[in-house]
Amino acid sequence: MNPAAVLALYDARMRADPPEEIGLASQWAGPVLRRLGVRAFIEHWTFDAMGAEAATAAEAAHFRRAGQAVEWRVFSHDRPVNLEAALAAAGFVPEPAETFMVFDLADRLDLGPIPAGVTVRRVTDAAGLADVMAVRAAAFGDEHVALGEELGARLADPGLALYVAYEAGRPVASARLEAPPNRPFAGLYGGGVRPESRGLGLYRTLVAARAEEAARRGVRYLTVDAAETSRPILERIGFQALATVRGWELNP
């Protein structure tokens, strides 16, 4: 894999020209591309170092007036170099950095067998979504009400695939795949395992289920914004770290 080429392709096909998604719309505001709807975020812009302070201040003022939280996602290869300083000056607050990791599906993932006694199901209804959210609450420590509402509205979205792993009929792990049609990238999100069920290979099992679905759809690359807890697992099964990514939050 050529890291620079893959990052350039990701920037062009997923950030500068974001795929359509139910509940989200794209809106240019001067040199900034906003993504607005069930959540608001920014991850593409065209200003240079001279325009960074004005652009970030304008976005902060806009979202404060709107009373809407927004996340500005900055990758380590992004420019201008003074962007994060400008975000801080405008009142955005940094979140912990994550590692942007990629796997080329032309290669083979080293995933091993599904743990004994575990079944994986694709979520297609409200009952399955309830299991997803129950696992998330146990794994991450809160209810994620807004996310549950967003996913519920998207159960028929062809770009979304939700999975739950069950042990003895009990939901113990969940995750989702975002695979917009006709794009070379699919993202792995929300992989969570109940604390008492960790260490059994369930996270890896859900990576395998999503990789299989992405390959079936003709996707070339899997991407993950990996926390430090999941990065070692992903490295062991073949993902490569290409960049760091940090969310800068503004909560009016």
C-alpha atoms as a PDB file:
ATOM      1  CA  MET A   1       0.000   0.000   0.000  1.00  0.00           C
ATOM      2  CA  ASN A   2       1.223   3.489  -0.872  1.00  0.00           C
ATOM      3  CA  PRO A   3       0.147   5.563   2.174  1.00  0.00           C
ATOM      4  CA  ALA A   4       0.370   8.965   0.469  1.00  0.00           C
ATOM      5  CA  ALA A   5      -1.653   7.764  -2.528  1.00  0.00           C
ATOM      6  CA  VAL A   6      -4.334   6.154  -0.345  1.00  0.00           C
ATOM      7  CA  LEU A   7      -4.668   9.289   1.794  1.00  0.00           C
ATOM      8  CA  ALA A   8      -4.971  11.450  -1.331  1.00  0.00           C
ATOM      9  CA  LEU A   9      -7.670   9.139  -2.703  1.00  0.00           C
ATOM     10  CA  TYR A  10      -9.532   9.198   0.616  1.00  0.00           C
ATOM     11  CA  ASP A  11      -9.395  12.990   0.748  1.00  0.00           C
ATOM     12  CA  ALA A  12     -10.720  13.268  -2.807  1.00  0.00           C
ATOM     13  CA  ARG A  13     -13.472  10.620  -2.684  1.00  0.00           C
ATOM     14  CA  MET A  14     -14.685  10.800   0.919  1.00  0.00           C
ATOM     15  CA  ARG A  15     -13.903  14.287   2.241  1.00  0.00           C
ATOM     16  CA  ALA A  16     -13.869  16.749  -0.665  1.00  0.00           C
ATOM     17  CA  ASP A  17     -16.786  14.942  -2.356  1.00  0.00           C
ATOM     18  CA  PRO A  18     -18.651  13.330   0.556  1.00  0.00           C
ATOM     19  CA  PRO A  19     -21.111  10.558  -0.263  1.00  0.00           C
ATOM     20  CA  GLU A  20     -24.815  11.069   0.251  1.00  0.00           C
ATOM     21  CA  GLU A  21     -26.100   9.891   3.610  1.00  0.00           C
ATOM     22  CA  ILE A  22     -29.627   9.853   4.977  1.00  0.00           C
ATOM     23  CA  GLY A  23     -30.003  12.667   7.483  1.00  0.00           C
ATOM     24  CA  LEU A  24     -27.002  14.678   6.268  1.00  0.00           C
ATOM     25  CA  ALA A  25     -26.570  17.387   3.641  1.00  0.00           C
ATOM     26  CA  SER A  26     -23.492  19.193   2.340  1.00  0.00           C
ATOM     27  CA  GLN A  27     -23.318  22.986   2.376  1.00  0.00           C
ATOM     28  CA  TRP A  28     -20.476  25.233   1.278  1.00  0.00           C
ATOM     29  CA  ALA A  29     -19.959  28.313   3.456  1.00  0.00           C
ATOM     30  CA  GLY A  30     -17.205  30.257   1.736  1.00  0.00           C
ATOM     31  CA  PRO A  31     -14.103  28.018   1.863  1.00  0.00           C
ATOM     32  CA  VAL A  32     -15.623  25.506   4.330  1.00  0.00           C
ATOM     33  CA  LEU A  33     -17.725  22.440   3.472  1.00  0.00           C
ATOM     34  CA  ARG A  34     -20.250  21.806   6.236  1.00  0.00           C
ATOM     35  CA  ARG A  35     -22.040  18.502   6.785  1.00  0.00           C
ATOM     36  CA  LEU A  36     -25.356  19.255   8.462  1.00  0.00           C
ATOM     37  CA  GLY A  37     -28.339  17.319   9.751  1.00  0.00           C
ATOM     38  CA  VAL A  38     -28.604  14.752  12.511  1.00  0.00           C
ATOM     39  CA  ARG A  39     -25.096  15.881  13.468  1.00  0.00           C
ATOM     40  CA  ALA A  40     -22.763  18.594  12.206  1.00  0.00           C
ATOM     41  CA  PHE A  41     -19.144  18.222  11.268  1.00  0.00           C
ATOM     42  CA  ILE A  42     -16.462  19.705   9.039  1.00  0.00           C
ATOM     43  CA  GLU A  43     -13.648  17.772   7.405  1.00  0.00           C
ATOM     44  CA  HIS A  44     -12.919  19.633   4.159  1.00  0.00           C
ATOM     45  CA  TRP A  45     -11.917  23.235   3.458  1.00  0.00           C
ATOM     46  CA  THR A  46      -9.972  25.223   0.872  1.00  0.00           C
ATOM     47  CA  PHE A  47      -8.497  28.159   2.823  1.00  0.00           C
ATOM     48  CA  ASP A  48      -4.751  28.682   3.311  1.00  0.00           C
ATOM     49  CA  ALA A  49      -2.759  29.824   6.338  1.00  0.00           C
ATOM     50  CA  MET A  50      -3.726  33.454   5.761  1.00  0.00           C
ATOM     51  CA  GLY A  51      -7.426  32.576   5.913  1.00  0.00           C
ATOM     52  CA  ALA A  52      -7.401  30.084   8.796  1.00  0.00           C
ATOM     53  CA  GLU A  53      -8.271  32.471  11.619  1.00  0.00           C
ATOM     54  CA  ALA A  54     -11.091  34.165   9.754  1.00  0.00           C
ATOM     55  CA  ALA A  55     -12.618  30.902   8.531  1.00  0.00           C
ATOM     56  CA  THR A  56     -12.546  29.136  11.896  1.00  0.00           C
ATOM     57  CA  ALA A  57     -13.901  32.206  13.687  1.00  0.00           C
ATOM     58  CA  ALA A  58     -16.730  32.490  11.142  1.00  0.00           C
ATOM     59  CA  GLU A  59     -17.702  28.836  11.638  1.00  0.00           C
ATOM     60  CA  ALA A  60     -17.602  29.176  15.423  1.00  0.00           C
ATOM     61  CA  ALA A  61     -19.843  32.233  15.225  1.00  0.00           C
ATOM     62  CA  HIS A  62     -22.274  30.466  12.882  1.00  0.00           C
ATOM     63  CA  PHE A  63     -22.718  27.404  15.091  1.00  0.00           C
ATOM     64  CA  ARG A  64     -22.989  29.484  18.237  1.00  0.00           C
ATOM     65  CA  ARG A  65     -25.807  31.470  16.638  1.00  0.00           C
ATOM     66  CA  ALA A  66     -27.451  28.221  15.561  1.00  0.00           C
ATOM     67  CA  GLY A  67     -26.995  26.674  19.012  1.00  0.00           C
ATOM     68  CA  GLN A  68     -25.662  23.539  17.339  1.00  0.00           C
ATOM     69  CA  ALA A  69     -22.647  21.450  18.322  1.00  0.00           C
ATOM     70  CA  VAL A  70     -20.095  20.815  15.575  1.00  0.00           C
ATOM     71  CA  GLU A  71     -16.959  18.724  15.217  1.00  0.00           C
ATOM     72  CA  TRP A  72     -14.041  19.820  13.016  1.00  0.00           C
ATOM     73  CA  ARG A  73     -11.989  16.757  12.071  1.00  0.00           C
ATOM     74  CA  VAL A  74      -8.295  17.380  11.399  1.00  0.00           C
ATOM     75  CA  PHE A  75      -5.927  14.763   9.978  1.00  0.00           C
ATOM     76  CA  SER A  76      -2.181  14.947  10.579  1.00  0.00           C
ATOM     77  CA  HIS A  77      -1.488  15.547   6.881  1.00  0.00           C
ATOM     78  CA  ASP A  78      -4.006  18.398   6.600  1.00  0.00           C
ATOM     79  CA  ARG A  79      -3.056  21.960   5.806  1.00  0.00           C
ATOM     80  CA  PRO A  80      -2.673  24.783   6.664  1.00  0.00           C
ATOM     81  CA  VAL A  81      -0.196  24.154   9.464  1.00  0.00           C
ATOM     82  CA  ASN A  82      -1.813  26.807  11.695  1.00  0.00           C
ATOM     83  CA  LEU A  83      -5.293  25.280  11.508  1.00  0.00           C
ATOM     84  CA  GLU A  84      -5.350  23.738  14.983  1.00  0.00           C
ATOM     85  CA  ALA A  85      -4.041  26.937  16.563  1.00  0.00           C
ATOM     86  CA  ALA A  86      -6.821  28.847  14.779  1.00  0.00           C
ATOM     87  CA  LEU A  87      -9.444  26.333  15.987  1.00  0.00           C
ATOM     88  CA  ALA A  88      -8.252  26.722  19.569  1.00  0.00           C
ATOM     89  CA  ALA A  89      -8.390  30.505  19.293  1.00  0.00           C
ATOM     90  CA  ALA A  90     -11.963  30.279  17.966  1.00  0.00           C
ATOM     91  CA  GLY A  91     -13.074  28.230  20.969  1.00  0.00           C
ATOM     92  CA  PHE A  92     -12.950  24.684  19.609  1.00  0.00           C
ATOM     93  CA  VAL A  93     -11.789  22.093  22.160  1.00  0.00           C
ATOM     94  CA  PRO A  94      -9.592  19.131  21.128  1.00  0.00           C
ATOM     95  CA  GLU A  95     -10.622  15.541  21.712  1.00  0.00           C
ATOM     96  CA  PRO A  96      -8.039  12.763  22.167  1.00  0.00           C
ATOM     97  CA  ALA A  97      -6.310  11.897  18.899  1.00  0.00           C
ATOM     98  CA  GLU A  98      -7.121   8.618  17.160  1.00  0.00           C
ATOM     99  CA  THR A  99      -5.189   6.660  14.552  1.00  0.00           C
ATOM    100  CA  PHE A 100      -6.528   6.544  10.994  1.00  0.00           C
ATOM    101  CA  MET A 101      -5.932   2.949   9.893  1.00  0.00           C
ATOM    102  CA  VAL A 102      -6.529   1.305   6.520  1.00  0.00           C
ATOM    103  CA  PHE A 103      -6.672  -2.248   5.215  1.00  0.00           C
ATOM    104  CA  ASP A 104      -6.447  -3.080   1.515  1.00  0.00           C
ATOM    105  CA  LEU A 105      -9.050  -5.770   0.808  1.00  0.00           C
ATOM    106  CA  ALA A 106      -6.915  -6.983  -2.081  1.00  0.00           C
ATOM    107  CA  ASP A 107      -4.910  -8.622   0.719  1.00  0.00           C
ATOM    108  CA  ARG A 108      -6.082 -11.232   3.198  1.00  0.00           C
ATOM    109  CA  LEU A 109      -7.145 -10.349   6.721  1.00  0.00           C
ATOM    110  CA  ASP A 110      -5.685 -12.679   9.362  1.00  0.00           C
ATOM    111  CA  LEU A 111      -8.796 -13.063  11.501  1.00  0.00           C
ATOM    112  CA  GLY A 112      -8.964 -16.650  12.714  1.00  0.00           C
ATOM    113  CA  PRO A 113     -12.145 -18.569  13.608  1.00  0.00           C
ATOM    114  CA  ILE A 114     -15.328 -17.241  15.218  1.00  0.00           C
ATOM    115  CA  PRO A 115     -15.213 -17.918  18.974  1.00  0.00           C
ATOM    116  CA  ALA A 116     -17.078 -21.057  20.045  1.00  0.00           C
ATOM    117  CA  GLY A 117     -20.695 -20.484  20.979  1.00  0.00           C
ATOM    118  CA  VAL A 118     -20.902 -17.082  19.239  1.00  0.00           C
ATOM    119  CA  THR A 119     -23.216 -16.152  16.376  1.00  0.00           C
ATOM    120  CA  VAL A 120     -23.152 -12.923  14.373  1.00  0.00           C
ATOM    121  CA  ARG A 121     -26.345 -11.421  12.947  1.00  0.00           C
ATOM    122  CA  ARG A 122     -27.010  -8.516  10.617  1.00  0.00           C
ATOM    123  CA  VAL A 123     -29.446  -6.029  12.182  1.00  0.00           C
ATOM    124  CA  THR A 124     -32.539  -5.274  10.108  1.00  0.00           C
ATOM    125  CA  ASP A 125     -35.197  -4.221  12.629  1.00  0.00           C
ATOM    126  CA  ALA A 126     -35.868  -2.274  15.816  1.00  0.00           C
ATOM    127  CA  ALA A 127     -35.255  -5.289  18.041  1.00  0.00           C
ATOM    128  CA  GLY A 128     -31.787  -5.758  16.603  1.00  0.00           C
ATOM    129  CA  LEU A 129     -31.081  -2.044  16.946  1.00  0.00           C
ATOM    130  CA  ALA A 130     -32.068  -2.239  20.613  1.00  0.00           C
ATOM    131  CA  ASP A 131     -29.428  -4.947  21.047  1.00  0.00           C
ATOM    132  CA  VAL A 132     -26.836  -2.722  19.331  1.00  0.00           C
ATOM    133  CA  MET A 133     -27.581   0.145  21.681  1.00  0.00           C
ATOM    134  CA  ALA A 134     -27.646  -2.085  24.773  1.00  0.00           C
ATOM    135  CA  VAL A 135     -24.144  -3.291  23.952  1.00  0.00           C
ATOM    136  CA  ARG A 136     -22.972   0.269  23.330  1.00  0.00           C
ATOM    137  CA  ALA A 137     -24.341   1.412  26.677  1.00  0.00           C
ATOM    138  CA  ALA A 138     -22.479  -1.390  28.461  1.00  0.00           C
ATOM    139  CA  ALA A 139     -19.278  -0.971  26.437  1.00  0.00           C
ATOM    140  CA  PHE A 140     -18.993   2.817  26.392  1.00  0.00           C
ATOM    141  CA  GLY A 141     -20.875   3.873  29.487  1.00  0.00           C
ATOM    142  CA  ASP A 142     -23.752   5.976  28.141  1.00  0.00           C
ATOM    143  CA  GLU A 143     -26.997   5.584  26.238  1.00  0.00           C
ATOM    144  CA  HIS A 144     -26.095   7.322  22.940  1.00  0.00           C
ATOM    145  CA  VAL A 145     -29.726   8.367  22.464  1.00  0.00           C
ATOM    146  CA  ALA A 146     -29.039  10.615  19.462  1.00  0.00           C
ATOM    147  CA  LEU A 147     -27.053   7.886  17.716  1.00  0.00           C
ATOM    148  CA  GLY A 148     -29.833   5.383  18.304  1.00  0.00           C
ATOM    149  CA  GLU A 149     -32.345   7.744  16.713  1.00  0.00           C
ATOM    150  CA  GLU A 150     -30.032   8.357  13.756  1.00  0.00           C
ATOM    151  CA  LEU A 151     -29.444   4.656  13.145  1.00  0.00           C
ATOM    152  CA  GLY A 152     -33.130   3.888  13.524  1.00  0.00           C
ATOM    153  CA  ALA A 153     -33.920   6.331  10.733  1.00  0.00           C
ATOM    154  CA  ARG A 154     -31.284   4.642   8.577  1.00  0.00           C
ATOM    155  CA  LEU A 155     -32.162   0.957   8.925  1.00  0.00           C
ATOM    156  CA  ALA A 156     -33.125   0.882   5.240  1.00  0.00           C
ATOM    157  CA  ASP A 157     -30.031   2.844   4.165  1.00  0.00           C
ATOM    158  CA  PRO A 158     -28.071   0.672   1.684  1.00  0.00           C
ATOM    159  CA  GLY A 159     -24.833   2.262   2.852  1.00  0.00           C
ATOM    160  CA  LEU A 160     -25.275   1.077   6.462  1.00  0.00           C
ATOM    161  CA  ALA A 161     -24.782  -2.398   7.909  1.00  0.00           C
ATOM    162  CA  LEU A 162     -25.180  -3.103  11.640  1.00  0.00           C
ATOM    163  CA  TYR A 163     -24.008  -6.275  13.349  1.00  0.00           C
ATOM    164  CA  VAL A 164     -24.495  -7.906  16.737  1.00  0.00           C
ATOM    165  CA  ALA A 165     -22.585 -10.859  18.162  1.00  0.00           C
ATOM    166  CA  TYR A 166     -24.588 -13.123  20.480  1.00  0.00           C
ATOM    167  CA  GLU A 167     -23.352 -15.579  23.082  1.00  0.00           C
ATOM    168  CA  ALA A 168     -26.001 -17.978  24.398  1.00  0.00           C
ATOM    169  CA  GLY A 169     -28.626 -15.653  22.891  1.00  0.00           C
ATOM    170  CA  ARG A 170     -27.323 -12.593  24.717  1.00  0.00           C
ATOM    171  CA  PRO A 171     -25.975  -9.591  22.771  1.00  0.00           C
ATOM    172  CA  VAL A 172     -22.323  -9.186  23.770  1.00  0.00           C
ATOM    173  CA  ALA A 173     -20.755  -7.110  20.964  1.00  0.00           C
ATOM    174  CA  SER A 174     -21.910  -4.769  18.215  1.00  0.00           C
ATOM    175  CA  ALA A 175     -20.480  -2.716  15.370  1.00  0.00           C
ATOM    176  CA  ARG A 176     -21.402  -0.959  12.150  1.00  0.00           C
ATOM    177  CA  LEU A 177     -20.143  -0.649   8.595  1.00  0.00           C
ATOM    178  CA  GLU A 178     -20.550   2.549   6.553  1.00  0.00           C
ATOM    179  CA  ALA A 179     -20.139   1.569   2.897  1.00  0.00           C
ATOM    180  CA  PRO A 180     -21.546   4.262   0.586  1.00  0.00           C
ATOM    181  CA  PRO A 181     -22.265   2.969  -2.916  1.00  0.00           C
ATOM    182  CA  ASN A 182     -19.681   3.448  -5.651  1.00  0.00           C
ATOM    183  CA  ARG A 183     -16.885   4.506  -3.315  1.00  0.00           C
ATOM    184  CA  PRO A 184     -13.558   2.713  -2.803  1.00  0.00           C
ATOM    185  CA  PHE A 185     -13.677   3.110   0.991  1.00  0.00           C
ATOM    186  CA  ALA A 186     -15.872   1.675   3.740  1.00  0.00           C
ATOM    187  CA  GLY A 187     -15.570   2.703   7.385  1.00  0.00           C
ATOM    188  CA  LEU A 188     -15.677   0.524  10.482  1.00  0.00           C
ATOM    189  CA  TYR A 189     -17.370   2.270  13.405  1.00  0.00           C
ATOM    190  CA  GLY A 190     -18.727   1.628  16.857  1.00  0.00           C
ATOM    191  CA  GLY A 191     -17.036  -1.676  17.602  1.00  0.00           C
ATOM    192  CA  GLY A 192     -17.913  -2.355  21.239  1.00  0.00           C
ATOM    193  CA  VAL A 193     -17.816  -5.396  23.526  1.00  0.00           C
ATOM    194  CA  ARG A 194     -19.398  -5.798  26.942  1.00  0.00           C
ATOM    195  CA  PRO A 195     -16.655  -5.594  29.602  1.00  0.00           C
ATOM    196  CA  GLU A 196     -17.298  -9.124  30.893  1.00  0.00           C
ATOM    197  CA  SER A 197     -16.966 -10.559  27.364  1.00  0.00           C
ATOM    198  CA  ARG A 198     -13.707  -8.929  26.334  1.00  0.00           C
ATOM    199  CA  GLY A 199     -10.656 -10.964  25.421  1.00  0.00           C
ATOM    200  CA  LEU A 200     -12.643 -13.638  23.563  1.00  0.00           C
ATOM    201  CA  GLY A 201     -12.051 -12.375  20.017  1.00  0.00           C
ATOM    202  CA  LEU A 202     -15.449 -10.714  19.569  1.00  0.00           C
ATOM    203  CA  TYR A 203     -14.054  -7.401  18.293  1.00  0.00           C
ATOM    204  CA  ARG A 204     -12.023  -9.305  15.702  1.00  0.00           C
ATOM    205  CA  THR A 205     -15.075 -11.379  14.777  1.00  0.00           C
ATOM    206  CA  LEU A 206     -17.101  -8.269  13.968  1.00  0.00           C
ATOM    207  CA  VAL A 207     -14.227  -6.884  11.889  1.00  0.00           C
ATOM    208  CA  ALA A 208     -14.370 -10.114   9.895  1.00  0.00           C
ATOM    209  CA  ALA A 209     -18.136  -9.847   9.314  1.00  0.00           C
ATOM    210  CA  ARG A 210     -17.843  -6.277   8.093  1.00  0.00           C
ATOM    211  CA  ALA A 211     -14.814  -6.989   5.921  1.00  0.00           C
ATOM    212  CA  GLU A 212     -16.701  -9.809   4.226  1.00  0.00           C
ATOM    213  CA  GLU A 213     -19.655  -7.518   3.508  1.00  0.00           C
ATOM    214  CA  ALA A 214     -17.417  -4.718   2.224  1.00  0.00           C
ATOM    215  CA  ALA A 215     -15.588  -7.110  -0.108  1.00  0.00           C
ATOM    216  CA  ARG A 216     -18.938  -8.414  -1.396  1.00  0.00           C
ATOM    217  CA  ARG A 217     -19.856  -4.825  -2.304  1.00  0.00           C
ATOM    218  CA  GLY A 218     -16.629  -4.298  -4.233  1.00  0.00           C
ATOM    219  CA  VAL A 219     -14.984  -1.980  -1.689  1.00  0.00           C
ATOM    220  CA  ARG A 220     -11.183  -1.754  -1.935  1.00  0.00           C
ATOM    221  CA  TYR A 221     -10.215  -0.234   1.431  1.00  0.00           C
ATOM    222  CA  LEU A 222     -11.470  -0.535   4.998  1.00  0.00           C
ATOM    223  CA  THR A 223     -10.842   2.451   7.279  1.00  0.00           C
ATOM    224  CA  VAL A 224     -10.973   2.867  11.053  1.00  0.00           C
ATOM    225  CA  ASP A 225     -10.469   5.808  13.402  1.00  0.00           C
ATOM    226  CA  ALA A 226      -8.834   3.648  16.041  1.00  0.00           C
ATOM    227  CA  ALA A 227      -8.594   4.411  19.743  1.00  0.00           C
ATOM    228  CA  GLU A 228      -5.525   3.162  21.564  1.00  0.00           C
ATOM    229  CA  THR A 229      -7.517   0.197  22.884  1.00  0.00           C
ATOM    230  CA  SER A 230      -8.312  -1.112  19.401  1.00  0.00           C
ATOM    231  CA  ARG A 231      -5.195  -0.085  17.504  1.00  0.00           C
ATOM    232  CA  PRO A 232      -3.074  -3.099  18.620  1.00  0.00           C
ATOM    233  CA  ILE A 233      -5.825  -5.537  17.585  1.00  0.00           C
ATOM    234  CA  LEU A 234      -6.132  -3.922  14.166  1.00  0.00           C
ATOM    235  CA  GLU A 235      -2.372  -3.898  13.648  1.00  0.00           C
ATOM    236  CA  ARG A 236      -2.184  -7.621  14.418  1.00  0.00           C
ATOM    237  CA  ILE A 237      -4.759  -8.443  11.755  1.00  0.00           C
ATOM    238  CA  GLY A 238      -3.106  -6.328   9.064  1.00  0.00           C
ATOM    239  CA  PHE A 239      -4.374  -2.736   9.247  1.00  0.00           C
ATOM    240  CA  GLN A 240      -1.802   0.005   8.623  1.00  0.00           C
ATOM    241  CA  ALA A 241      -1.645   3.336  10.458  1.00  0.00           C
ATOM    242  CA  LEU A 242      -1.602   6.125   7.856  1.00  0.00           C
ATOM    243  CA  ALA A 243      -2.318   9.263   9.905  1.00  0.00           C
ATOM    244  CA  THR A 244      -3.680  10.590  13.153  1.00  0.00           C
ATOM    245  CA  VAL A 245      -7.059  12.296  13.320  1.00  0.00           C
ATOM    246  CA  ARG A 246      -8.355  14.618  16.012  1.00  0.00           C
ATOM    247  CA  GLY A 247     -11.842  16.011  16.480  1.00  0.00           C
ATOM    248  CA  TRP A 248     -12.141  19.617  17.616  1.00  0.00           C
ATOM    249  CA  GLU A 249     -15.482  20.161  19.329  1.00  0.00           C
ATOM    250  CA  LEU A 250     -17.597  23.288  19.687  1.00  0.00           C
ATOM    251  CA  ASN A 251     -20.604  22.916  21.986  1.00  0.00           C
ATOM    252  CA  PRO A 252     -22.567  26.184  22.200  1.00  0.00           C
END
